[in-house]
Amino acid sequence: MKPNQIIAIALLIGAVVLAYFGYQSTQSLTEQVHESLTGRFTDETVWYFVLAAVCAVAGFVMLRR
């Protein structure tokens, strides 16, 4: 396996892990209270999902090359 493929797979796994942590964060009591009062999630939770998306896109791009 080429080093680029290993890095791409690691990025995809990282994306899944970050998405999981983001989902778990949305289920916490404090996050739900904040979301019900303001209508949006906290910045920390949003960053989990943003970084997961970036890792997923980077991983897919690296696998396609």
PDB file of N, CA and C in Angstrom:
ATOM      1  N   MET A   1       0.843  -1.166   0.000  1.00  0.00           N
ATOM      2  CA  MET A   1       0.000   0.000   0.000  1.00  0.00           C
ATOM      3  C   MET A   1       0.897   1.240   0.000  1.00  0.00           C
ATOM      4  N   LYS A   2       0.523   2.214  -0.803  1.00  0.00           N
ATOM      5  CA  LYS A   2       1.308   3.439  -0.922  1.00  0.00           C
ATOM      6  C   LYS A   2       1.085   4.336   0.295  1.00  0.00           C
ATOM      7  N   PRO A   3       2.082   5.166   0.618  1.00  0.00           N
ATOM      8  CA  PRO A   3       1.928   6.065   1.773  1.00  0.00           C
ATOM      9  C   PRO A   3       0.741   7.025   1.638  1.00  0.00           C
ATOM     10  N   ASN A   4       0.464   7.484   0.417  1.00  0.00           N
ATOM     11  CA  ASN A   4      -0.676   8.387   0.237  1.00  0.00           C
ATOM     12  C   ASN A   4      -2.000   7.697   0.549  1.00  0.00           C
ATOM     13  N   GLN A   5      -2.105   6.414   0.220  1.00  0.00           N
ATOM     14  CA  GLN A   5      -3.328   5.676   0.520  1.00  0.00           C
ATOM     15  C   GLN A   5      -3.502   5.504   2.025  1.00  0.00           C
ATOM     16  N   ILE A   6      -2.398   5.278   2.722  1.00  0.00           N
ATOM     17  CA  ILE A   6      -2.467   5.134   4.181  1.00  0.00           C
ATOM     18  C   ILE A   6      -2.922   6.436   4.816  1.00  0.00           C
ATOM     19  N   ILE A   7      -2.381   7.552   4.345  1.00  0.00           N
ATOM     20  CA  ILE A   7      -2.777   8.859   4.879  1.00  0.00           C
ATOM     21  C   ILE A   7      -4.246   9.132   4.563  1.00  0.00           C
ATOM     22  N   ALA A   8      -4.683   8.784   3.364  1.00  0.00           N
ATOM     23  CA  ALA A   8      -6.079   9.004   2.977  1.00  0.00           C
ATOM     24  C   ALA A   8      -7.017   8.192   3.860  1.00  0.00           C
ATOM     25  N   ILE A   9      -6.668   6.957   4.115  1.00  0.00           N
ATOM     26  CA  ILE A   9      -7.503   6.117   4.979  1.00  0.00           C
ATOM     27  C   ILE A   9      -7.516   6.658   6.405  1.00  0.00           C
ATOM     28  N   ALA A  10      -6.369   7.141   6.863  1.00  0.00           N
ATOM     29  CA  ALA A  10      -6.307   7.737   8.205  1.00  0.00           C
ATOM     30  C   ALA A  10      -7.188   8.986   8.280  1.00  0.00           C
ATOM     31  N   LEU A  11      -7.208   9.781   7.225  1.00  0.00           N
ATOM     32  CA  LEU A  11      -8.075  10.962   7.198  1.00  0.00           C
ATOM     33  C   LEU A  11      -9.554  10.568   7.227  1.00  0.00           C
ATOM     34  N   LEU A  12      -9.900   9.530   6.506  1.00  0.00           N
ATOM     35  CA  LEU A  12     -11.297   9.075   6.507  1.00  0.00           C
ATOM     36  C   LEU A  12     -11.703   8.538   7.876  1.00  0.00           C
ATOM     37  N   ILE A  13     -10.812   7.802   8.507  1.00  0.00           N
ATOM     38  CA  ILE A  13     -11.096   7.310   9.861  1.00  0.00           C
ATOM     39  C   ILE A  13     -11.209   8.485  10.829  1.00  0.00           C
ATOM     40  N   GLY A  14     -10.324   9.461  10.678  1.00  0.00           N
ATOM     41  CA  GLY A  14     -10.397  10.666  11.511  1.00  0.00           C
ATOM     42  C   GLY A  14     -11.702  11.412  11.319  1.00  0.00           C
ATOM     43  N   ALA A  15     -12.202  11.441  10.083  1.00  0.00           N
ATOM     44  CA  ALA A  15     -13.476  12.103   9.806  1.00  0.00           C
ATOM     45  C   ALA A  15     -14.621  11.401  10.519  1.00  0.00           C
ATOM     46  N   VAL A  16     -14.590  10.080  10.515  1.00  0.00           N
ATOM     47  CA  VAL A  16     -15.642   9.319  11.208  1.00  0.00           C
ATOM     48  C   VAL A  16     -15.577   9.577  12.713  1.00  0.00           C
ATOM     49  N   VAL A  17     -14.380   9.592  13.260  1.00  0.00           N
ATOM     50  CA  VAL A  17     -14.212   9.832  14.701  1.00  0.00           C
ATOM     51  C   VAL A  17     -14.689  11.239  15.071  1.00  0.00           C
ATOM     52  N   LEU A  18     -14.306  12.235  14.283  1.00  0.00           N
ATOM     53  CA  LEU A  18     -14.741  13.605  14.565  1.00  0.00           C
ATOM     54  C   LEU A  18     -16.256  13.749  14.445  1.00  0.00           C
ATOM     55  N   ALA A  19     -16.851  13.106  13.452  1.00  0.00           N
ATOM     56  CA  ALA A  19     -18.310  13.158  13.305  1.00  0.00           C
ATOM     57  C   ALA A  19     -18.989  12.492  14.506  1.00  0.00           C
ATOM     58  N   TYR A  20     -18.410  11.406  14.982  1.00  0.00           N
ATOM     59  CA  TYR A  20     -18.962  10.735  16.165  1.00  0.00           C
ATOM     60  C   TYR A  20     -18.908  11.653  17.386  1.00  0.00           C
ATOM     61  N   PHE A  21     -17.766  12.287  17.606  1.00  0.00           N
ATOM     62  CA  PHE A  21     -17.651  13.198  18.745  1.00  0.00           C
ATOM     63  C   PHE A  21     -18.595  14.391  18.592  1.00  0.00           C
ATOM     64  N   GLY A  22     -18.761  14.870  17.367  1.00  0.00           N
ATOM     65  CA  GLY A  22     -19.703  15.957  17.138  1.00  0.00           C
ATOM     66  C   GLY A  22     -21.124  15.540  17.452  1.00  0.00           C
ATOM     67  N   TYR A  23     -21.489  14.331  17.034  1.00  0.00           N
ATOM     68  CA  TYR A  23     -22.826  13.830  17.337  1.00  0.00           C
ATOM     69  C   TYR A  23     -23.022  13.664  18.843  1.00  0.00           C
ATOM     70  N   GLN A  24     -22.030  13.102  19.505  1.00  0.00           N
ATOM     71  CA  GLN A  24     -22.125  12.935  20.956  1.00  0.00           C
ATOM     72  C   GLN A  24     -22.245  14.283  21.655  1.00  0.00           C
ATOM     73  N   SER A  25     -21.563  15.277  21.132  1.00  0.00           N
ATOM     74  CA  SER A  25     -21.640  16.609  21.714  1.00  0.00           C
ATOM     75  C   SER A  25     -23.038  17.200  21.559  1.00  0.00           C
ATOM     76  N   THR A  26     -23.694  16.932  20.439  1.00  0.00           N
ATOM     77  CA  THR A  26     -25.037  17.482  20.243  1.00  0.00           C
ATOM     78  C   THR A  26     -26.053  16.854  21.181  1.00  0.00           C
ATOM     79  N   GLN A  27     -25.749  15.685  21.706  1.00  0.00           N
ATOM     80  CA  GLN A  27     -26.685  14.986  22.574  1.00  0.00           C
ATOM     81  C   GLN A  27     -26.540  15.352  24.053  1.00  0.00           C
ATOM     82  N   SER A  28     -25.547  16.162  24.397  1.00  0.00           N
ATOM     83  CA  SER A  28     -25.352  16.519  25.801  1.00  0.00           C
ATOM     84  C   SER A  28     -26.434  17.503  26.253  1.00  0.00           C
ATOM     85  N   LEU A  29     -26.696  17.523  27.534  1.00  0.00           N
ATOM     86  CA  LEU A  29     -27.749  18.374  28.091  1.00  0.00           C
ATOM     87  C   LEU A  29     -27.426  19.848  27.877  1.00  0.00           C
ATOM     88  N   THR A  30     -26.185  20.236  28.141  1.00  0.00           N
ATOM     89  CA  THR A  30     -25.825  21.652  27.981  1.00  0.00           C
ATOM     90  C   THR A  30     -25.931  22.095  26.528  1.00  0.00           C
ATOM     91  N   GLU A  31     -25.568  21.226  25.616  1.00  0.00           N
ATOM     92  CA  GLU A  31     -25.663  21.559  24.187  1.00  0.00           C
ATOM     93  C   GLU A  31     -27.115  21.700  23.758  1.00  0.00           C
ATOM     94  N   GLN A  32     -27.970  20.850  24.257  1.00  0.00           N
ATOM     95  CA  GLN A  32     -29.383  20.928  23.890  1.00  0.00           C
ATOM     96  C   GLN A  32     -30.037  22.172  24.472  1.00  0.00           C
ATOM     97  N   VAL A  33     -29.648  22.549  25.689  1.00  0.00           N
ATOM     98  CA  VAL A  33     -30.184  23.779  26.289  1.00  0.00           C
ATOM     99  C   VAL A  33     -29.712  24.987  25.484  1.00  0.00           C
ATOM    100  N   HIS A  34     -28.428  25.008  25.150  1.00  0.00           N
ATOM    101  CA  HIS A  34     -27.880  26.120  24.362  1.00  0.00           C
ATOM    102  C   HIS A  34     -28.566  26.209  23.005  1.00  0.00           C
ATOM    103  N   GLU A  35     -28.783  25.066  22.363  1.00  0.00           N
ATOM    104  CA  GLU A  35     -29.413  25.055  21.045  1.00  0.00           C
ATOM    105  C   GLU A  35     -30.868  25.489  21.125  1.00  0.00           C
ATOM    106  N   SER A  36     -31.559  25.121  22.192  1.00  0.00           N
ATOM    107  CA  SER A  36     -32.966  25.510  22.311  1.00  0.00           C
ATOM    108  C   SER A  36     -33.105  27.003  22.616  1.00  0.00           C
ATOM    109  N   LEU A  37     -32.116  27.584  23.290  1.00  0.00           N
ATOM    110  CA  LEU A  37     -32.180  29.013  23.610  1.00  0.00           C
ATOM    111  C   LEU A  37     -31.703  29.888  22.459  1.00  0.00           C
ATOM    112  N   THR A  38     -30.672  29.461  21.765  1.00  0.00           N
ATOM    113  CA  THR A  38     -30.091  30.302  20.722  1.00  0.00           C
ATOM    114  C   THR A  38     -30.461  29.855  19.312  1.00  0.00           C
ATOM    115  N   GLY A  39     -30.878  28.608  19.154  1.00  0.00           N
ATOM    116  CA  GLY A  39     -31.226  28.106  17.842  1.00  0.00           C
ATOM    117  C   GLY A  39     -30.046  27.555  17.061  1.00  0.00           C
ATOM    118  N   ARG A  40     -28.886  27.486  17.693  1.00  0.00           N
ATOM    119  CA  ARG A  40     -27.711  26.932  17.011  1.00  0.00           C
ATOM    120  C   ARG A  40     -26.829  26.229  18.035  1.00  0.00           C
ATOM    121  N   PHE A  41     -25.935  25.393  17.510  1.00  0.00           N
ATOM    122  CA  PHE A  41     -25.026  24.667  18.388  1.00  0.00           C
ATOM    123  C   PHE A  41     -23.847  25.552  18.772  1.00  0.00           C
ATOM    124  N   THR A  42     -23.104  25.121  19.785  1.00  0.00           N
ATOM    125  CA  THR A  42     -21.926  25.880  20.201  1.00  0.00           C
ATOM    126  C   THR A  42     -20.846  25.777  19.133  1.00  0.00           C
ATOM    127  N   ASP A  43     -19.888  26.682  19.199  1.00  0.00           N
ATOM    128  CA  ASP A  43     -18.808  26.694  18.215  1.00  0.00           C
ATOM    129  C   ASP A  43     -17.996  25.408  18.257  1.00  0.00           C
ATOM    130  N   GLU A  44     -17.789  24.858  19.453  1.00  0.00           N
ATOM    131  CA  GLU A  44     -17.011  23.622  19.584  1.00  0.00           C
ATOM    132  C   GLU A  44     -17.665  22.474  18.806  1.00  0.00           C
ATOM    133  N   THR A  45     -18.965  22.359  18.917  1.00  0.00           N
ATOM    134  CA  THR A  45     -19.673  21.297  18.222  1.00  0.00           C
ATOM    135  C   THR A  45     -19.628  21.502  16.715  1.00  0.00           C
ATOM    136  N   VAL A  46     -19.797  22.729  16.280  1.00  0.00           N
ATOM    137  CA  VAL A  46     -19.745  23.021  14.851  1.00  0.00           C
ATOM    138  C   VAL A  46     -18.359  22.693  14.300  1.00  0.00           C
ATOM    139  N   TRP A  47     -17.302  22.975  15.053  1.00  0.00           N
ATOM    140  CA  TRP A  47     -15.944  22.676  14.597  1.00  0.00           C
ATOM    141  C   TRP A  47     -15.724  21.183  14.426  1.00  0.00           C
ATOM    142  N   TYR A  48     -16.322  20.370  15.272  1.00  0.00           N
ATOM    143  CA  TYR A  48     -16.222  18.919  15.079  1.00  0.00           C
ATOM    144  C   TYR A  48     -16.729  18.525  13.693  1.00  0.00           C
ATOM    145  N   PHE A  49     -17.890  19.044  13.316  1.00  0.00           N
ATOM    146  CA  PHE A  49     -18.480  18.679  12.038  1.00  0.00           C
ATOM    147  C   PHE A  49     -17.721  19.293  10.859  1.00  0.00           C
ATOM    148  N   VAL A  50     -17.238  20.507  11.018  1.00  0.00           N
ATOM    149  CA  VAL A  50     -16.465  21.142   9.949  1.00  0.00           C
ATOM    150  C   VAL A  50     -15.171  20.377   9.700  1.00  0.00           C
ATOM    151  N   LEU A  51     -14.465  20.043  10.771  1.00  0.00           N
ATOM    152  CA  LEU A  51     -13.218  19.297  10.613  1.00  0.00           C
ATOM    153  C   LEU A  51     -13.460  17.892  10.071  1.00  0.00           C
ATOM    154  N   ALA A  52     -14.566  17.283  10.456  1.00  0.00           N
ATOM    155  CA  ALA A  52     -14.907  15.968   9.908  1.00  0.00           C
ATOM    156  C   ALA A  52     -15.138  16.062   8.408  1.00  0.00           C
ATOM    157  N   ALA A  53     -15.819  17.097   7.970  1.00  0.00           N
ATOM    158  CA  ALA A  53     -16.067  17.268   6.533  1.00  0.00           C
ATOM    159  C   ALA A  53     -14.770  17.524   5.774  1.00  0.00           C
ATOM    160  N   VAL A  54     -13.898  18.340   6.337  1.00  0.00           N
ATOM    161  CA  VAL A  54     -12.614  18.629   5.684  1.00  0.00           C
ATOM    162  C   VAL A  54     -11.777  17.362   5.574  1.00  0.00           C
ATOM    163  N   CYS A  55     -11.713  16.587   6.651  1.00  0.00           N
ATOM    164  CA  CYS A  55     -10.951  15.334   6.624  1.00  0.00           C
ATOM    165  C   CYS A  55     -11.536  14.358   5.615  1.00  0.00           C
ATOM    166  N   ALA A  56     -12.849  14.283   5.544  1.00  0.00           N
ATOM    167  CA  ALA A  56     -13.486  13.360   4.598  1.00  0.00           C
ATOM    168  C   ALA A  56     -13.191  13.762   3.158  1.00  0.00           C
ATOM    169  N   VAL A  57     -13.308  15.036   2.851  1.00  0.00           N
ATOM    170  CA  VAL A  57     -13.038  15.499   1.487  1.00  0.00           C
ATOM    171  C   VAL A  57     -11.577  15.274   1.131  1.00  0.00           C
ATOM    172  N   ALA A  58     -10.678  15.615   2.043  1.00  0.00           N
ATOM    173  CA  ALA A  58      -9.251  15.420   1.784  1.00  0.00           C
ATOM    174  C   ALA A  58      -8.935  13.935   1.594  1.00  0.00           C
ATOM    175  N   GLY A  59      -9.533  13.081   2.395  1.00  0.00           N
ATOM    176  CA  GLY A  59      -9.305  11.652   2.269  1.00  0.00           C
ATOM    177  C   GLY A  59      -9.794  11.099   0.941  1.00  0.00           C
ATOM    178  N   PHE A  60     -10.986  11.520   0.518  1.00  0.00           N
ATOM    179  CA  PHE A  60     -11.526  11.055  -0.765  1.00  0.00           C
ATOM    180  C   PHE A  60     -10.686  11.563  -1.939  1.00  0.00           C
ATOM    181  N   VAL A  61     -10.249  12.815  -1.868  1.00  0.00           N
ATOM    182  CA  VAL A  61      -9.424  13.365  -2.936  1.00  0.00           C
ATOM    183  C   VAL A  61      -8.102  12.609  -3.032  1.00  0.00           C
ATOM    184  N   MET A  62      -7.508  12.321  -1.888  1.00  0.00           N
ATOM    185  CA  MET A  62      -6.238  11.584  -1.903  1.00  0.00           C
ATOM    186  C   MET A  62      -6.414  10.155  -2.425  1.00  0.00           C
ATOM    187  N   LEU A  63      -7.532   9.533  -2.137  1.00  0.00           N
ATOM    188  CA  LEU A  63      -7.772   8.181  -2.650  1.00  0.00           C
ATOM    189  C   LEU A  63      -8.011   8.169  -4.156  1.00  0.00           C
ATOM    190  N   ARG A  64      -8.610   9.217  -4.676  1.00  0.00           N
ATOM    191  CA  ARG A  64      -8.912   9.273  -6.107  1.00  0.00           C
ATOM    192  C   ARG A  64      -7.655   9.479  -6.948  1.00  0.00           C
ATOM    193  N   ARG A  65      -6.607  10.054  -6.386  1.00  0.00           N
ATOM    194  CA  ARG A  65      -5.388  10.338  -7.148  1.00  0.00           C
ATOM    195  C   ARG A  65      -4.519   9.138  -7.267  1.00  0.00           C
TER     196      ARG A  65
END
